[in-house]
Protein backbone atom coordinates (compact mmCIF):
# COMPACT_ATOMS: atom_id res chain seq x y z
CA MET A 1 -90.24 60.72 -5.26
CA ILE A 2 -90.29 62.76 -8.46
CA GLN A 3 -93.57 64.61 -7.95
CA GLU A 4 -92.00 68.08 -7.93
CA ASP A 5 -89.96 67.31 -11.03
CA MET A 6 -93.04 66.01 -12.86
CA GLN A 7 -94.96 69.16 -11.94
CA ALA A 8 -92.09 71.19 -13.41
CA VAL A 9 -92.21 69.05 -16.56
CA GLU A 10 -95.96 69.67 -16.91
CA ALA A 11 -95.40 73.41 -16.54
CA ARG A 12 -92.70 73.29 -19.21
CA PHE A 13 -95.10 71.46 -21.55
CA ARG A 14 -97.44 74.42 -21.42
CA LYS A 15 -94.66 76.93 -21.91
CA ASN A 16 -93.33 75.10 -24.96
CA LEU A 17 -96.81 74.90 -26.48
CA ALA A 18 -97.00 78.69 -26.56
CA SER A 19 -97.46 79.89 -30.13
CA GLU A 20 -98.96 82.81 -32.01
CA VAL A 21 -101.10 80.23 -33.81
CA PRO A 22 -103.90 79.34 -31.35
CA LEU A 23 -104.70 75.97 -32.96
CA ILE A 24 -101.25 74.64 -32.01
CA GLY A 25 -101.88 75.27 -28.33
CA GLN A 26 -105.43 73.90 -28.53
CA VAL A 27 -104.47 70.60 -30.16
CA GLY A 28 -101.32 70.18 -28.09
CA GLU A 29 -103.10 70.92 -24.82
CA TYR A 30 -105.93 68.55 -25.75
CA LEU A 31 -103.50 65.69 -26.34
CA LEU A 32 -101.28 66.38 -23.32
CA SER A 33 -104.32 66.69 -21.03
CA SER A 34 -106.02 63.51 -22.19
CA GLY A 35 -104.65 61.16 -19.56
CA GLY A 36 -101.25 60.02 -20.77
CA LYS A 37 -99.27 57.93 -18.30
CA ARG A 38 -96.06 60.01 -18.67
CA ILE A 39 -93.94 56.87 -18.41
CA ARG A 40 -91.21 58.22 -20.70
CA PRO A 41 -90.61 61.47 -18.76
CA MET A 42 -90.69 59.55 -15.48
CA LEU A 43 -88.07 57.13 -16.76
CA LEU A 44 -85.77 59.97 -17.81
CA LEU A 45 -86.10 61.67 -14.42
CA LEU A 46 -85.51 58.44 -12.50
CA ALA A 47 -82.55 57.44 -14.69
CA ALA A 48 -80.94 60.85 -14.14
CA ARG A 49 -81.49 60.55 -10.40
CA LEU A 50 -80.14 56.99 -10.35
CA CYS A 51 -76.92 58.36 -11.89
CA ASP A 52 -76.78 61.27 -9.38
CA TYR A 53 -77.53 64.08 -11.85
CA SER A 54 -77.75 67.48 -10.15
CA GLY A 55 -78.42 69.90 -13.04
CA LYS A 56 -81.63 71.31 -14.51
CA HIS A 57 -81.72 70.05 -18.10
CA HIS A 58 -83.59 66.89 -17.08
CA ILE A 59 -86.83 68.90 -16.85
CA GLU A 60 -86.53 70.26 -20.39
CA LEU A 61 -85.52 66.91 -21.83
CA ALA A 62 -88.28 65.00 -20.07
CA GLY A 63 -90.67 67.39 -21.80
CA VAL A 64 -88.90 66.81 -25.12
CA ILE A 65 -89.39 63.05 -24.83
CA GLU A 66 -93.13 63.49 -24.22
CA PHE A 67 -93.40 65.99 -27.08
CA ILE A 68 -91.80 63.48 -29.46
CA HIS A 69 -94.14 60.77 -28.20
CA SER A 70 -97.16 63.07 -28.58
CA ALA A 71 -96.15 63.97 -32.14
CA THR A 72 -96.02 60.29 -33.09
CA LEU A 73 -99.48 59.75 -31.54
CA LEU A 74 -100.94 62.55 -33.65
CA HIS A 75 -99.43 61.10 -36.81
CA ASP A 76 -100.31 57.49 -35.91
CA ASP A 77 -103.97 58.30 -35.36
CA VAL A 78 -104.15 59.86 -38.82
CA VAL A 79 -102.45 56.84 -40.43
CA ASP A 80 -104.70 54.41 -38.52
CA GLY A 81 -107.90 56.42 -38.91
CA ALA A 82 -108.36 56.19 -35.14
CA GLU A 83 -111.44 57.75 -33.59
CA LEU A 84 -110.42 57.30 -29.95
CA ARG A 85 -107.27 58.09 -28.00
CA ARG A 86 -107.10 57.40 -24.24
CA GLY A 87 -110.87 57.17 -24.06
CA ASN A 88 -111.50 60.54 -25.71
CA ARG A 89 -112.08 61.48 -29.32
CA SER A 90 -108.72 61.53 -31.09
CA ALA A 91 -107.33 64.90 -32.17
CA ASN A 92 -107.87 64.07 -35.84
CA ALA A 93 -111.52 63.24 -35.08
CA VAL A 94 -111.92 66.69 -33.47
CA TRP A 95 -109.82 68.96 -35.72
CA GLY A 96 -109.24 66.84 -38.83
CA ASN A 97 -106.25 65.03 -40.28
CA GLU A 98 -104.56 68.14 -41.66
CA ALA A 99 -104.41 69.90 -38.28
CA SER A 100 -103.20 66.73 -36.52
CA VAL A 101 -100.35 66.18 -38.98
CA LEU A 102 -99.24 69.82 -38.88
CA VAL A 103 -99.37 70.13 -35.08
CA GLY A 104 -97.42 66.86 -34.88
CA ASP A 105 -94.82 68.46 -37.13
CA TYR A 106 -94.72 71.47 -34.80
CA LEU A 107 -94.13 69.26 -31.76
CA PHE A 108 -91.24 67.52 -33.53
CA ALA A 109 -89.70 70.85 -34.56
CA LYS A 110 -90.15 72.36 -31.09
CA SER A 111 -88.53 69.29 -29.54
CA PHE A 112 -85.34 69.81 -31.51
CA SER A 113 -85.33 73.53 -30.74
CA VAL A 114 -85.43 72.73 -27.01
CA MET A 115 -82.75 70.04 -27.41
CA VAL A 116 -80.34 72.53 -28.96
CA GLY A 117 -80.82 74.76 -25.92
CA CYS A 118 -79.56 71.96 -23.68
CA GLU A 119 -76.15 72.21 -25.40
CA SER A 120 -75.40 68.50 -25.60
CA PHE A 121 -74.41 67.26 -29.04
CA LYS A 122 -74.52 63.66 -27.80
CA ILE A 123 -78.15 63.98 -26.70
CA LEU A 124 -79.07 65.78 -29.92
CA GLN A 125 -77.48 62.96 -31.92
CA LEU A 126 -79.15 60.30 -29.78
CA LEU A 127 -82.64 61.72 -30.14
CA SER A 128 -82.14 62.47 -33.85
CA ASP A 129 -81.16 58.85 -34.44
CA THR A 130 -84.09 57.71 -32.29
CA THR A 131 -86.73 59.64 -34.23
CA THR A 132 -85.27 58.40 -37.52
CA GLN A 133 -85.48 54.80 -36.30
CA MET A 134 -89.04 55.33 -35.07
CA ALA A 135 -90.08 56.56 -38.52
CA GLU A 136 -88.47 53.49 -40.08
CA GLY A 137 -90.39 51.26 -37.67
CA GLU A 138 -93.69 52.90 -38.58
CA VAL A 139 -93.02 52.49 -42.29
CA GLN A 140 -92.06 48.84 -41.79
CA GLN A 141 -95.27 48.27 -39.84
CA LEU A 142 -97.17 49.74 -42.77
CA LEU A 143 -95.40 47.35 -45.15
CA ASN A 144 -96.33 44.45 -42.85
CA THR A 145 -100.05 45.23 -43.10
CA ALA A 146 -102.09 42.06 -43.66
CA ASP A 147 -98.87 40.11 -44.28
CA LEU A 148 -99.47 36.67 -42.81
CA ASP A 149 -95.80 35.80 -43.23
CA VAL A 150 -94.88 38.18 -40.39
CA ASP A 151 -93.43 36.04 -37.62
CA GLU A 152 -92.45 36.85 -34.05
CA VAL A 153 -88.92 37.94 -35.00
CA ARG A 154 -90.14 40.45 -37.60
CA TYR A 155 -92.84 41.67 -35.25
CA LEU A 156 -90.36 42.24 -32.41
CA GLY A 157 -88.11 44.19 -34.77
CA VAL A 158 -90.94 46.56 -35.61
CA ILE A 159 -92.00 47.19 -32.02
CA ARG A 160 -88.37 47.73 -31.03
CA ASP A 161 -88.09 50.48 -33.64
CA LYS A 162 -91.46 52.14 -33.28
CA THR A 163 -91.99 51.96 -29.49
CA ALA A 164 -89.11 50.56 -27.43
CA ILE A 165 -86.43 52.80 -28.94
CA LEU A 166 -87.93 56.03 -27.52
CA ILE A 167 -88.33 54.49 -24.06
CA ALA A 168 -84.70 53.34 -24.29
CA ALA A 169 -83.64 56.85 -25.32
CA ALA A 170 -85.45 58.36 -22.32
CA CYS A 171 -83.44 56.13 -19.99
CA GLN A 172 -80.18 56.73 -21.83
CA VAL A 173 -80.60 60.51 -21.87
CA GLY A 174 -80.82 60.47 -18.07
CA ALA A 175 -77.50 58.65 -17.95
CA VAL A 176 -75.85 60.94 -20.51
CA LEU A 177 -76.92 64.03 -18.58
CA ALA A 178 -75.22 62.66 -15.46
CA ASP A 179 -71.99 61.70 -17.27
CA ALA A 180 -72.58 58.09 -16.23
CA THR A 181 -70.05 55.41 -17.11
CA PRO A 182 -70.43 53.69 -20.51
CA GLU A 183 -71.53 50.54 -18.68
CA GLN A 184 -74.24 52.39 -16.75
CA GLU A 185 -75.43 54.16 -19.88
CA ALA A 186 -75.64 50.88 -21.80
CA ALA A 187 -77.47 49.19 -18.92
CA LEU A 188 -80.12 51.90 -18.74
CA ARG A 189 -80.59 51.82 -22.50
CA GLU A 190 -81.11 48.05 -22.43
CA PHE A 191 -83.47 48.44 -19.47
CA GLY A 192 -85.51 50.81 -21.64
CA ILE A 193 -85.46 48.49 -24.65
CA GLU A 194 -86.77 45.60 -22.59
CA ILE A 195 -89.58 47.45 -20.82
CA GLY A 196 -90.45 49.30 -24.03
CA THR A 197 -90.86 45.98 -25.80
CA ALA A 198 -92.93 44.64 -22.90
CA PHE A 199 -95.09 47.77 -22.98
CA GLN A 200 -95.98 47.27 -26.64
CA LEU A 201 -96.56 43.54 -26.15
CA MET A 202 -99.10 44.35 -23.45
CA ASP A 203 -100.67 47.06 -25.60
CA ASP A 204 -101.15 44.53 -28.39
CA ALA A 205 -102.67 41.98 -26.00
CA LEU A 206 -105.02 44.56 -24.49
CA ASP A 207 -106.26 45.50 -27.95
CA TYR A 208 -108.09 42.16 -28.00
CA VAL A 209 -109.21 41.77 -24.40
CA ALA A 210 -109.49 45.14 -22.65
CA ASP A 211 -112.76 46.95 -22.06
CA GLN A 212 -112.97 49.80 -24.60
CA ALA A 213 -114.06 52.39 -22.03
CA GLU A 214 -111.13 51.46 -19.79
CA PHE A 215 -108.46 50.91 -22.45
CA GLY A 216 -109.30 54.10 -24.29
CA LYS A 217 -109.47 52.85 -27.87
CA GLU A 218 -111.65 50.61 -29.99
CA ARG A 219 -111.37 46.88 -29.29
CA GLY A 220 -109.87 45.04 -32.25
CA HIS A 221 -108.49 48.22 -33.80
CA ASP A 222 -105.19 46.54 -34.67
CA LEU A 223 -107.05 43.79 -36.51
CA GLN A 224 -109.14 46.36 -38.35
CA GLU A 225 -105.90 47.95 -39.54
CA GLY A 226 -104.48 44.60 -40.64
CA LYS A 227 -101.71 44.71 -38.04
CA MET A 228 -100.07 41.36 -37.33
CA THR A 229 -99.43 41.55 -33.59
CA LEU A 230 -98.18 38.74 -31.39
CA PRO A 231 -101.55 37.36 -30.17
CA LEU A 232 -102.64 36.87 -33.78
CA ILE A 233 -99.21 35.68 -34.94
CA GLN A 234 -99.26 33.01 -32.23
CA ALA A 235 -102.79 31.89 -33.11
CA TYR A 236 -102.02 31.76 -36.84
CA ALA A 237 -98.87 29.71 -36.23
CA LYS A 238 -100.78 27.13 -34.17
CA ALA A 239 -104.04 27.08 -36.15
CA ALA A 240 -105.23 24.27 -38.40
CA GLU A 241 -105.10 24.89 -42.15
CA SER A 242 -108.83 25.62 -42.42
CA GLU A 243 -108.53 28.11 -39.57
CA ARG A 244 -105.57 29.77 -41.27
CA VAL A 245 -107.68 30.29 -44.37
CA GLU A 246 -110.37 31.86 -42.21
CA ILE A 247 -107.85 34.15 -40.47
CA ALA A 248 -106.43 35.21 -43.84
CA ARG A 249 -109.88 36.12 -45.12
CA ILE A 250 -110.68 38.23 -42.06
CA VAL A 251 -107.32 40.03 -42.00
CA GLU A 252 -107.66 40.97 -45.66
CA GLU A 253 -111.23 42.30 -45.35
CA ASP A 254 -111.66 46.06 -45.76
CA GLU A 255 -114.18 46.22 -42.93
CA LEU A 256 -114.08 44.18 -39.72
CA THR A 257 -117.47 42.87 -38.61
CA GLU A 258 -118.32 42.06 -35.01
CA VAL A 259 -118.80 38.41 -36.00
CA ASP A 260 -115.31 38.24 -37.54
CA LEU A 261 -113.75 40.00 -34.55
CA GLU A 262 -115.33 37.51 -32.19
CA ARG A 263 -114.10 34.63 -34.35
CA ILE A 264 -110.53 35.91 -34.28
CA CYS A 265 -110.74 36.45 -30.52
CA ALA A 266 -112.00 32.89 -30.10
CA LEU A 267 -109.07 31.51 -32.12
CA ILE A 268 -106.58 33.64 -30.18
CA ASP A 269 -108.09 32.30 -26.96
CA ALA A 270 -108.05 28.71 -28.21
CA TYR A 271 -104.36 28.91 -29.06
CA HIS A 272 -103.43 30.93 -25.94
CA GLY A 273 -102.29 33.99 -27.90
CA ILE A 274 -102.96 36.42 -25.05
CA ASP A 275 -101.31 34.23 -22.42
CA TYR A 276 -98.28 33.75 -24.65
CA THR A 277 -97.97 37.50 -25.28
CA ARG A 278 -98.23 38.29 -21.57
CA MET A 279 -95.64 35.65 -20.78
CA ARG A 280 -93.23 37.16 -23.29
CA ALA A 281 -93.84 40.62 -21.81
CA ALA A 282 -93.14 39.33 -18.29
CA GLU A 283 -89.89 37.75 -19.50
CA ARG A 284 -88.81 41.11 -20.92
CA VAL A 285 -89.54 42.88 -17.64
CA GLU A 286 -87.44 40.40 -15.69
CA LEU A 287 -84.58 40.89 -18.17
CA ALA A 288 -84.94 44.64 -17.73
CA LYS A 289 -84.56 44.42 -13.97
CA THR A 290 -81.31 42.49 -14.28
CA GLN A 291 -79.83 45.45 -16.17
CA LEU A 292 -80.17 47.58 -13.02
CA GLU A 293 -78.03 45.29 -10.89
CA ILE A 294 -74.89 47.31 -11.69
CA PHE A 295 -76.40 50.22 -9.72
CA PRO A 296 -76.44 50.40 -5.92
CA ALA A 297 -79.63 49.18 -4.25
CA GLY A 298 -81.91 51.98 -3.10
CA GLU A 299 -85.26 53.70 -3.54
CA VAL A 300 -84.55 54.99 -7.05
CA ARG A 301 -83.60 51.56 -8.36
CA ASP A 302 -86.65 50.14 -6.59
CA ALA A 303 -88.85 52.77 -8.23
CA LEU A 304 -87.60 51.77 -11.69
CA CYS A 305 -88.38 48.13 -10.90
CA ILE A 306 -91.89 49.08 -9.75
CA LEU A 307 -92.41 51.02 -12.98
CA ALA A 308 -91.22 47.99 -14.94
CA ASP A 309 -93.70 45.75 -13.10
CA TYR A 310 -96.51 48.20 -13.86
CA VAL A 311 -95.93 47.64 -17.57
CA VAL A 312 -97.19 44.06 -17.38
CA ALA A 313 -99.79 44.67 -14.65
CA ARG A 314 -101.63 47.53 -16.39
CA ASN A 315 -105.05 47.18 -17.99
CA LYS A 316 -105.04 50.36 -20.05
């Protein structure tokens, strides 16, 4: 349905990576060519089409959304010390932390330059607020490192800010471009919040159970970084006191051993942490679909529902 638009978005990626500094194009091209799912650009394009948009700015702005996402990936991998991204060596593993941070900065700056060219103050304000909130979410996640007092409510607040908010913005931008009604705009934003939350819930579940070659990053990486994600939060809440002591010791260790990883995975399995996380993700997807009921039935609405279902069905 949106194949031609996505091809145009990909072409615009390459154009906007053009720079007199070759390293910018090399790092940017490496990241953009490494197998990303392009969910955020697809959502923007579909949301614009759902609201009957007929202009051309959706191509530029779909690229902006992916540039912002790519910039956060570059910075996140430096913060996390990640060696893999989407099954390949991470950019920081190839070019070093300094290059990754600086190219991430370039992608952010280029994004706002392109936004200005679209001549919509509302969209500029929306995406400025979104990137600010994403940064706050990342800092809060850092503060939550190895904090066993993090509960589901605090965890959901962090993933809303660091992940769901950009997916929500992608959907909302499509509505803003089309001059949709306030009710339609709000519905698409909430649709994005719900599937964005579900997406991160599934990501956090897959970190413990997915095959590394298929998932594209090291198994147990979140645990290695001391991140309290929902599978572990659920297990810790249900565990016996002696098991809680054991979890605390492992989370606070500087290095994660294979034995400790297997022990945590066994406890998560025993207390149904993965099943619980998947259930919560599925609930979010169903809530997301209800937001679309204010729009007429048709192939575009169906496509958004299919994309929502993919979020909880994916294995990478």
